[in-house]
Protein backbone atom coordinates (compact mmCIF):
# COMPACT_ATOMS: atom_id res chain seq x y z
CA UNK A 1 13.24 -7.92 71.66
CA UNK A 2 10.12 -6.80 69.86
CA UNK A 3 11.27 -3.18 70.16
CA UNK A 4 14.69 -4.15 68.79
CA UNK A 5 13.00 -6.00 65.92
CA UNK A 6 10.77 -3.03 65.31
CA UNK A 7 13.76 -0.69 65.20
CA UNK A 8 15.50 -2.92 62.69
CA UNK A 9 12.32 -2.99 60.60
CA UNK A 10 12.25 0.80 60.38
CA UNK A 11 15.98 0.94 59.67
CA UNK A 12 15.48 -1.50 56.79
CA UNK A 13 12.51 0.45 55.49
CA UNK A 14 14.47 3.72 55.55
CA UNK A 15 17.44 2.04 53.84
CA UNK A 16 15.16 0.60 51.17
CA UNK A 17 13.59 4.01 50.62
CA UNK A 18 16.99 5.66 50.27
CA UNK A 19 18.05 2.96 47.82
CA UNK A 20 14.94 3.56 45.70
CA UNK A 21 15.53 7.33 45.73
CA UNK A 22 19.18 6.88 44.71
CA UNK A 23 18.21 4.46 41.94
CA UNK A 24 15.65 6.95 40.60
CA UNK A 25 18.20 9.79 40.69
CA UNK A 26 20.78 7.66 38.89
CA UNK A 27 18.44 6.18 36.29
CA UNK A 28 16.19 9.21 35.70
CA UNK A 29 18.54 11.03 33.25
CA UNK A 30 18.96 7.85 31.22
CA UNK A 31 15.24 7.17 31.29
CA UNK A 32 14.46 10.73 30.17
CA UNK A 33 17.01 10.47 27.35
CA UNK A 34 15.64 7.08 26.26
CA UNK A 35 12.10 8.47 26.32
CA UNK A 36 13.14 11.45 24.20
CA UNK A 37 14.93 9.21 21.71
CA UNK A 38 11.87 6.96 21.44
CA UNK A 39 9.60 9.96 20.93
CA UNK A 40 11.79 11.33 18.14
CA UNK A 41 11.98 7.89 16.55
CA UNK A 42 8.20 7.51 16.84
CA UNK A 43 7.57 10.95 15.35
CA UNK A 44 9.95 10.36 12.45
CA UNK A 45 8.74 6.87 11.57
CA UNK A 46 5.02 7.35 12.11
CA UNK A 47 5.04 10.91 10.75
CA UNK A 48 6.72 9.81 7.53
CA UNK A 49 4.27 6.95 7.11
CA UNK A 50 1.28 9.21 7.64
CA UNK A 51 2.59 11.73 5.12
CA UNK A 52 2.84 8.95 2.54
CA UNK A 53 -0.77 8.01 3.34
CA UNK A 54 -1.79 11.70 3.04
CA UNK A 55 -3.19 11.56 6.58
CA UNK A 56 -2.75 14.90 8.32
CA UNK A 57 -2.89 14.05 12.03
CA UNK A 58 -0.86 15.61 14.84
CA UNK A 59 1.94 13.11 15.52
CA UNK A 60 2.55 14.43 19.05
CA UNK A 61 -1.10 13.90 19.93
CA UNK A 62 -0.93 10.40 18.47
CA UNK A 63 2.19 9.70 20.55
CA UNK A 64 0.47 10.84 23.74
CA UNK A 65 -2.59 8.73 22.94
CA UNK A 66 -0.43 5.67 22.30
CA UNK A 67 1.49 6.28 25.54
CA UNK A 68 -1.75 6.62 27.51
CA UNK A 69 -3.08 3.43 25.92
CA UNK A 70 0.10 1.59 26.94
CA UNK A 71 -0.17 2.82 30.54
CA UNK A 72 -3.85 1.92 30.88
CA UNK A 73 -3.37 -1.49 29.27
CA UNK A 74 -0.35 -2.27 31.46
CA UNK A 75 -2.27 -1.31 34.59
CA UNK A 76 -5.21 -3.51 33.61
CA UNK A 77 -2.98 -6.45 32.73
CA UNK A 78 -1.11 -6.12 36.04
CA UNK A 79 -4.34 -5.90 38.06
CA UNK A 80 -5.91 -8.87 36.27
CA UNK A 81 -2.91 -11.20 36.09
CA UNK A 82 -0.12 -9.83 38.28
CA UNK A 83 2.35 -11.04 35.65
CA UNK A 84 5.33 -8.88 34.74
CA UNK A 85 5.81 -10.97 31.61
CA UNK A 86 2.35 -10.13 30.26
CA UNK A 87 2.90 -6.46 31.12
CA UNK A 88 6.11 -6.40 29.06
CA UNK A 89 4.37 -8.21 26.19
CA UNK A 90 1.55 -5.65 26.28
CA UNK A 91 4.04 -2.77 26.17
CA UNK A 92 5.85 -4.32 23.18
CA UNK A 93 2.65 -4.99 21.24
CA UNK A 94 1.03 -1.62 21.90
CA UNK A 95 4.29 0.22 21.23
CA UNK A 96 4.54 -1.43 17.81
CA UNK A 97 0.82 -0.99 17.05
CA UNK A 98 1.05 2.42 15.27
CA UNK A 99 3.86 1.27 12.98
CA UNK A 100 2.06 -1.99 12.17
CA UNK A 101 -1.19 -0.15 11.48
CA UNK A 102 0.48 2.37 9.19
CA UNK A 103 2.32 -0.42 7.35
CA UNK A 104 -1.00 -2.25 6.86
CA UNK A 105 -2.76 0.89 5.63
CA UNK A 106 0.13 1.61 3.28
CA UNK A 107 -0.02 -1.89 1.81
CA UNK A 108 -3.79 -1.60 1.33
CA UNK A 109 -3.36 1.81 -0.31
CA UNK A 110 -0.73 0.51 -2.75
CA UNK A 111 -2.88 -2.51 -3.56
CA UNK A 112 -5.91 -0.32 -4.27
CA UNK A 113 -3.78 2.01 -6.39
CA UNK A 114 -2.57 -0.94 -8.47
CA UNK A 115 -6.21 -1.95 -8.99
CA UNK A 116 -7.05 1.54 -10.28
CA UNK A 117 -4.06 1.79 -12.61
CA UNK A 118 -5.66 0.07 -15.66
CA UNK A 119 -8.64 2.43 -15.47
CA UNK A 120 -6.27 5.38 -15.19
CA UNK A 121 -4.39 4.24 -18.29
CA UNK A 122 -7.62 3.85 -20.25
CA UNK A 123 -8.70 7.38 -19.26
CA UNK A 124 -5.32 8.81 -20.26
CA UNK A 125 -5.33 6.84 -23.50
CA UNK A 126 -8.81 8.05 -24.39
CA UNK A 127 -7.91 11.67 -23.70
CA UNK A 128 -4.68 11.44 -25.72
CA UNK A 129 -6.54 9.78 -28.58
CA UNK A 130 -8.98 12.71 -28.55
CA UNK A 131 -6.08 15.12 -29.03
CA UNK A 132 -5.38 16.25 -25.45
CA UNK A 133 -1.85 16.83 -24.22
CA UNK A 134 -0.31 14.54 -21.62
CA UNK A 135 -0.71 17.12 -18.86
CA UNK A 136 -4.36 17.74 -19.74
CA UNK A 137 -5.00 13.98 -19.93
CA UNK A 138 -3.46 13.51 -16.47
CA UNK A 139 -5.60 16.35 -15.10
CA UNK A 140 -8.81 14.89 -16.51
CA UNK A 141 -7.93 11.42 -15.24
CA UNK A 142 -7.06 12.67 -11.73
CA UNK A 143 -10.39 14.50 -11.48
CA UNK A 144 -12.37 11.37 -12.39
CA UNK A 145 -10.35 8.71 -10.56
CA UNK A 146 -11.28 8.15 -6.88
CA UNK A 147 -8.75 7.95 -4.06
CA UNK A 148 -6.03 6.86 -3.73
CA UNK A 149 -5.27 7.02 -7.46
CA UNK A 150 -6.79 10.45 -7.90
CA UNK A 151 -4.84 11.80 -4.91
CA UNK A 152 -1.50 10.45 -6.12
CA UNK A 153 -1.89 11.74 -9.68
CA UNK A 154 -3.12 15.08 -8.35
CA UNK A 155 0.10 15.26 -6.32
CA UNK A 156 2.02 14.49 -9.52
CA UNK A 157 0.25 17.39 -11.25
CA UNK A 158 1.15 19.73 -8.39
CA UNK A 159 4.79 18.76 -8.80
CA UNK A 160 4.53 19.56 -12.51
CA UNK A 161 3.09 23.00 -11.70
CA UNK A 162 6.06 23.63 -9.41
CA UNK A 163 8.46 23.06 -12.31
CA UNK A 164 9.35 19.39 -11.82
CA UNK A 165 9.81 17.51 -15.09
CA UNK A 166 7.41 14.74 -16.01
CA UNK A 167 10.16 12.10 -15.74
CA UNK A 168 11.09 13.20 -12.21
CA UNK A 169 7.45 13.38 -11.15
CA UNK A 170 6.85 9.86 -12.46
CA UNK A 171 9.96 8.60 -10.65
CA UNK A 172 8.67 10.18 -7.44
CA UNK A 173 5.28 8.51 -7.90
CA UNK A 174 6.94 5.15 -8.57
CA UNK A 175 9.04 5.53 -5.43
CA UNK A 176 5.99 6.35 -3.28
CA UNK A 177 3.80 3.52 -4.53
CA UNK A 178 6.39 0.82 -5.31
CA UNK A 179 4.19 -0.70 -8.03
CA UNK A 180 5.73 -2.70 -10.88
CA UNK A 181 2.84 -1.90 -13.22
CA UNK A 182 3.36 1.79 -12.55
CA UNK A 183 6.97 1.44 -13.72
CA UNK A 184 5.66 0.03 -17.01
CA UNK A 185 3.35 3.03 -17.32
CA UNK A 186 6.26 5.40 -16.66
CA UNK A 187 8.45 3.60 -19.19
CA UNK A 188 5.72 3.84 -21.84
CA UNK A 189 5.28 7.58 -21.25
CA UNK A 190 9.04 8.23 -21.37
CA UNK A 191 9.51 6.25 -24.57
CA UNK A 192 6.60 8.09 -26.20
CA UNK A 193 8.07 11.46 -25.19
CA UNK A 194 11.55 10.59 -26.46
CA UNK A 195 10.87 8.67 -29.67
CA UNK A 196 7.20 9.24 -30.40
CA UNK A 197 4.68 6.53 -31.19
CA UNK A 198 1.03 5.85 -30.56
CA UNK A 199 0.86 6.40 -26.79
CA UNK A 200 -2.91 5.88 -26.62
CA UNK A 201 -2.72 2.42 -28.18
CA UNK A 202 0.26 1.49 -26.00
CA UNK A 203 -1.55 2.47 -22.81
CA UNK A 204 -4.73 0.64 -23.82
CA UNK A 205 -2.81 -2.57 -24.55
CA UNK A 206 -0.88 -2.21 -21.31
CA UNK A 207 -4.13 -1.72 -19.38
CA UNK A 208 -5.62 -4.84 -20.97
CA UNK A 209 -2.51 -6.84 -20.04
CA UNK A 210 -2.71 -5.59 -16.45
CA UNK A 211 -6.37 -6.59 -16.18
CA UNK A 212 -5.56 -10.11 -17.35
CA UNK A 213 -2.71 -10.28 -14.86
CA UNK A 214 -5.00 -9.15 -12.02
CA UNK A 215 -7.59 -11.76 -12.99
CA UNK A 216 -4.89 -14.44 -12.80
CA UNK A 217 -3.70 -13.11 -9.43
CA UNK A 218 -7.27 -13.21 -8.09
CA UNK A 219 -7.60 -16.81 -9.22
CA UNK A 220 -4.34 -17.73 -7.49
CA UNK A 221 -5.49 -15.96 -4.31
CA UNK A 222 -8.72 -17.96 -4.36
CA UNK A 223 -6.86 -21.26 -4.85
CA UNK A 224 -4.40 -20.54 -2.03
CA UNK A 225 -6.93 -19.08 0.42
CA UNK A 226 -7.22 -22.37 2.32
CA UNK A 227 -3.47 -22.53 2.91
CA UNK A 228 -3.35 -18.94 4.14
CA UNK A 229 -6.28 -19.59 6.48
CA UNK A 230 -4.47 -22.65 7.84
CA UNK A 231 -1.56 -20.40 8.74
CA UNK A 232 -3.76 -18.09 10.80
CA UNK A 233 -5.51 -21.04 12.43
CA UNK A 234 -2.07 -22.36 13.37
CA UNK A 235 -1.35 -19.04 15.11
CA UNK A 236 -4.72 -18.61 16.85
CA UNK A 237 -5.24 -22.23 17.95
CA UNK A 238 -2.47 -22.33 20.61
CA UNK A 239 -3.71 -19.03 22.03
CA UNK A 240 -7.25 -20.37 22.25
CA UNK A 241 -6.12 -23.63 23.84
CA UNK A 242 -3.97 -21.72 26.34
CA UNK A 243 -6.88 -19.44 27.28
CA UNK A 244 -9.14 -22.47 27.75
CA UNK A 245 -6.57 -24.20 29.97
CA UNK A 246 -6.18 -21.04 32.05
CA UNK A 247 -9.95 -21.01 32.57
CA UNK A 248 -10.13 -24.73 33.42
CA UNK A 249 -6.90 -25.22 35.41
CA UNK A 250 -5.58 -21.81 36.48
CA UNK A 251 -3.31 -23.24 39.19
CA UNK A 252 -1.54 -25.53 36.74
CA UNK A 253 -1.09 -22.78 34.13
CA UNK A 254 -0.05 -19.95 36.46
CA UNK A 255 3.70 -20.84 36.38
CA UNK A 256 3.62 -20.22 32.64
CA UNK A 257 3.34 -16.46 33.20
CA UNK A 258 4.92 -16.12 36.66
CA UNK A 259 8.24 -17.96 36.27
CA UNK A 260 11.22 -17.44 34.01
CA UNK A 261 10.88 -21.02 32.71
CA UNK A 262 7.35 -20.21 31.58
CA UNK A 263 8.53 -16.97 29.99
CA UNK A 264 11.18 -18.84 28.02
CA UNK A 265 8.56 -21.38 26.93
CA UNK A 266 6.20 -18.63 25.77
CA UNK A 267 9.04 -16.92 23.90
CA UNK A 268 10.02 -20.13 22.10
CA UNK A 269 6.39 -20.81 21.20
CA UNK A 270 5.96 -17.26 19.85
CA UNK A 271 9.12 -17.54 17.73
CA UNK A 272 8.03 -20.90 16.29
CA UNK A 273 4.56 -19.50 15.57
CA UNK A 274 5.99 -16.53 13.66
CA UNK A 275 8.44 -18.71 11.73
CA UNK A 276 5.66 -21.14 10.79
CA UNK A 277 3.38 -18.33 9.64
CA UNK A 278 6.16 -16.78 7.54
CA UNK A 279 6.91 -20.15 5.95
CA UNK A 280 3.25 -20.71 5.05
CA UNK A 281 2.88 -17.19 3.65
CA UNK A 282 6.06 -17.66 1.64
CA UNK A 283 4.78 -20.94 0.19
CA UNK A 284 1.41 -19.40 -0.67
CA UNK A 285 2.95 -16.26 -2.23
CA UNK A 286 3.10 -17.06 -5.95
CA UNK A 287 4.64 -14.26 -7.98
CA UNK A 288 3.46 -13.71 -11.54
């Protein structure tokens, strides 16, 4: 009987092995295609974002580094927890990390550019008042203004040297930076080119108005800082409590990451956390 049972064990093992091989052969083309599609999507999205940030890094190397990071993190999570749910969460978070990081860097770059815009206008206004042409004023300003403002205006000057009109170059700059104050600067320059007027005085008044607006925005940010901090505390507190409960009562908390009911609970909690954070940020975002 034991021999018969042993034979059936080996028959089952061979059948299972054949099933795994057949599944790999069937799913491999689809997996390869999906991997290629993801790589092209990653290269297009991340590559475009890095070009806008003027960061010249090999996108393929970045993709391989991100893939290696995902594999190492998934292996560590699986060895430490044995939870497929946490492995999938790690893959999702690390896969989205490059896009989130580039979006954050882009937002910081645009914010810093908006901060430099009044100084740029004052430099252009001073040069124009001294008798310089608009192109010469832009060149002098770009050489004195630090990054990212100096980089963006230097790119505008390169477009002008390639034969692009000033209006088109300004539109391109406005599209890259997405700054409302920059649109006012572009409108002032276009009006001065078309109908004349004292461009230096216009730019100086516009720069003074922007500085007052930024001072008011800083005051609003200071007054709403407590509310924004409450939003982040609301997000971090459940994670901290969950980690503490896992350390104190691991047996009671294990079903939360090893059963589909626990996965659903974690998903609902994550959705509610994100919705709550978005609501708080929306309430605290006061547009001027």
